[in-house]
Structure formats: C-alpha cells, structure tokens
Amino acid sequence: MVREEHLWSVARYMPTSTGELDSLGLSGSEIRFHGKTLISWSKKRRRCRSRPAGAAAEPDRHAGLPQSL
C-alpha cells in the first residue's frame, strides 16, 4: 500500500529512480514493493507529455480486461 500523499507527490514530480522516491518521502517498504511500478508509470507519463499533439497513443495492453481484477 502507498500513502495517498505519496501518490500525489509521484504524480507531481514524476521521479525516475528509487532515490528520487526516497527524497519524496516514500517509506522503504513502499519503495521496495511498489517502486518499480511507480517509476514505470512516471516514465510513461513523461513520454505521453512529450508526445506532439495529435500523435497516436500507445495501445492499452490492459484493454478488454475486466475492471474488477
């Protein structure tokens, strides 16, 4: 589990390393268990923000999966 305020910090600052997650105040267990996922989301968001307007988006690899998983 990751604290809500830490999720907001990750969304705002888009860290690219576990060291940056640590500097945002995430706990060791948050980084250990969820750090790679948070960093990958952050990197994906950076790519989306740098894409020119009107460019095609990446296909969603989770499309078609039930939302209740």
C-alpha atoms as a PDB file:
ATOM      1  CA  MET A   1       0.000   0.000   0.000  1.00  0.00           C
ATOM      2  CA  VAL A   2       1.208   3.502  -0.840  1.00  0.00           C
ATOM      3  CA  ARG A   3       0.027   6.547   1.099  1.00  0.00           C
ATOM      4  CA  GLU A   4      -2.191   8.944  -0.827  1.00  0.00           C
ATOM      5  CA  GLU A   5       0.087  11.946  -0.328  1.00  0.00           C
ATOM      6  CA  HIS A   6       2.978   9.936  -1.759  1.00  0.00           C
ATOM      7  CA  LEU A   7       0.934   9.090  -4.858  1.00  0.00           C
ATOM      8  CA  TRP A   8       0.256  12.800  -5.316  1.00  0.00           C
ATOM      9  CA  SER A   9       3.981  13.544  -4.998  1.00  0.00           C
ATOM     10  CA  VAL A  10       4.837  10.886  -7.586  1.00  0.00           C
ATOM     11  CA  ALA A  11       2.215  12.313  -9.968  1.00  0.00           C
ATOM     12  CA  ARG A  12       3.519  15.845  -9.486  1.00  0.00           C
ATOM     13  CA  TYR A  13       7.286  15.299  -9.641  1.00  0.00           C
ATOM     14  CA  MET A  14       7.472  12.186 -11.885  1.00  0.00           C
ATOM     15  CA  PRO A  15      10.545  10.551 -10.295  1.00  0.00           C
ATOM     16  CA  THR A  16      12.784   8.309 -12.405  1.00  0.00           C
ATOM     17  CA  SER A  17      14.708   6.462  -9.692  1.00  0.00           C
ATOM     18  CA  THR A  18      14.251   4.886  -6.292  1.00  0.00           C
ATOM     19  CA  GLY A  19      16.483   7.611  -4.865  1.00  0.00           C
ATOM     20  CA  GLU A  20      14.025  10.230  -6.055  1.00  0.00           C
ATOM     21  CA  LEU A  21      11.162   8.241  -4.497  1.00  0.00           C
ATOM     22  CA  ASP A  22      13.099   8.273  -1.229  1.00  0.00           C
ATOM     23  CA  SER A  23      13.619  12.033  -1.473  1.00  0.00           C
ATOM     24  CA  LEU A  24       9.841  12.451  -1.916  1.00  0.00           C
ATOM     25  CA  GLY A  25       9.377  10.773   1.458  1.00  0.00           C
ATOM     26  CA  LEU A  26       8.166   7.308   0.468  1.00  0.00           C
ATOM     27  CA  SER A  27       8.899   4.651   3.067  1.00  0.00           C
ATOM     28  CA  GLY A  28      11.357   1.835   2.467  1.00  0.00           C
ATOM     29  CA  SER A  29       8.552  -0.714   2.152  1.00  0.00           C
ATOM     30  CA  GLU A  30       6.644   1.496  -0.322  1.00  0.00           C
ATOM     31  CA  ILE A  31       9.763   1.760  -2.466  1.00  0.00           C
ATOM     32  CA  ARG A  32      10.667  -1.917  -2.104  1.00  0.00           C
ATOM     33  CA  PHE A  33       7.225  -3.249  -3.005  1.00  0.00           C
ATOM     34  CA  HIS A  34       5.911  -0.584  -5.412  1.00  0.00           C
ATOM     35  CA  GLY A  35       8.910   1.489  -6.516  1.00  0.00           C
ATOM     36  CA  LYS A  36       9.438  -0.099  -9.933  1.00  0.00           C
ATOM     37  CA  THR A  37       5.751   0.248 -10.782  1.00  0.00           C
ATOM     38  CA  LEU A  38       5.611   3.887  -9.677  1.00  0.00           C
ATOM     39  CA  ILE A  39       8.739   4.715 -11.686  1.00  0.00           C
ATOM     40  CA  SER A  40       7.390   2.971 -14.802  1.00  0.00           C
ATOM     41  CA  TRP A  41       4.117   4.940 -14.513  1.00  0.00           C
ATOM     42  CA  SER A  42       6.113   8.120 -14.115  1.00  0.00           C
ATOM     43  CA  LYS A  43       8.268   7.391 -17.175  1.00  0.00           C
ATOM     44  CA  LYS A  44       5.184   6.509 -19.233  1.00  0.00           C
ATOM     45  CA  ARG A  45       3.568   9.790 -18.203  1.00  0.00           C
ATOM     46  CA  ARG A  46       6.705  11.710 -19.218  1.00  0.00           C
ATOM     47  CA  ARG A  47       6.577  10.070 -22.672  1.00  0.00           C
ATOM     48  CA  CYS A  48       2.894  10.969 -23.052  1.00  0.00           C
ATOM     49  CA  ARG A  49       3.542  14.586 -22.083  1.00  0.00           C
ATOM     50  CA  SER A  50       6.408  14.891 -24.574  1.00  0.00           C
ATOM     51  CA  ARG A  51       4.395  13.458 -27.493  1.00  0.00           C
ATOM     52  CA  PRO A  52       3.282  16.059 -30.061  1.00  0.00           C
ATOM     53  CA  ALA A  53      -0.402  16.970 -30.057  1.00  0.00           C
ATOM     54  CA  GLY A  54      -2.408  14.679 -32.317  1.00  0.00           C
ATOM     55  CA  ALA A  55       0.126  11.824 -32.216  1.00  0.00           C
ATOM     56  CA  ALA A  56      -1.292   8.332 -31.833  1.00  0.00           C
ATOM     57  CA  ALA A  57      -1.278   6.918 -28.322  1.00  0.00           C
ATOM     58  CA  GLU A  58       0.246   3.569 -27.383  1.00  0.00           C
ATOM     59  CA  PRO A  59      -2.274   0.729 -27.369  1.00  0.00           C
ATOM     60  CA  ASP A  60      -3.507  -0.114 -23.888  1.00  0.00           C
ATOM     61  CA  ARG A  61      -2.223  -3.607 -23.110  1.00  0.00           C
ATOM     62  CA  HIS A  62      -4.964  -3.978 -20.488  1.00  0.00           C
ATOM     63  CA  ALA A  63      -7.800  -3.170 -22.889  1.00  0.00           C
ATOM     64  CA  GLY A  64     -10.554  -5.734 -22.744  1.00  0.00           C
ATOM     65  CA  LEU A  65      -9.713  -6.973 -19.248  1.00  0.00           C
ATOM     66  CA  PRO A  66     -12.491  -6.856 -16.671  1.00  0.00           C
ATOM     67  CA  GLN A  67     -12.241  -3.784 -14.447  1.00  0.00           C
ATOM     68  CA  SER A  68     -12.884  -5.834 -11.298  1.00  0.00           C
ATOM     69  CA  LEU A  69      -9.457  -7.523 -11.307  1.00  0.00           C
END
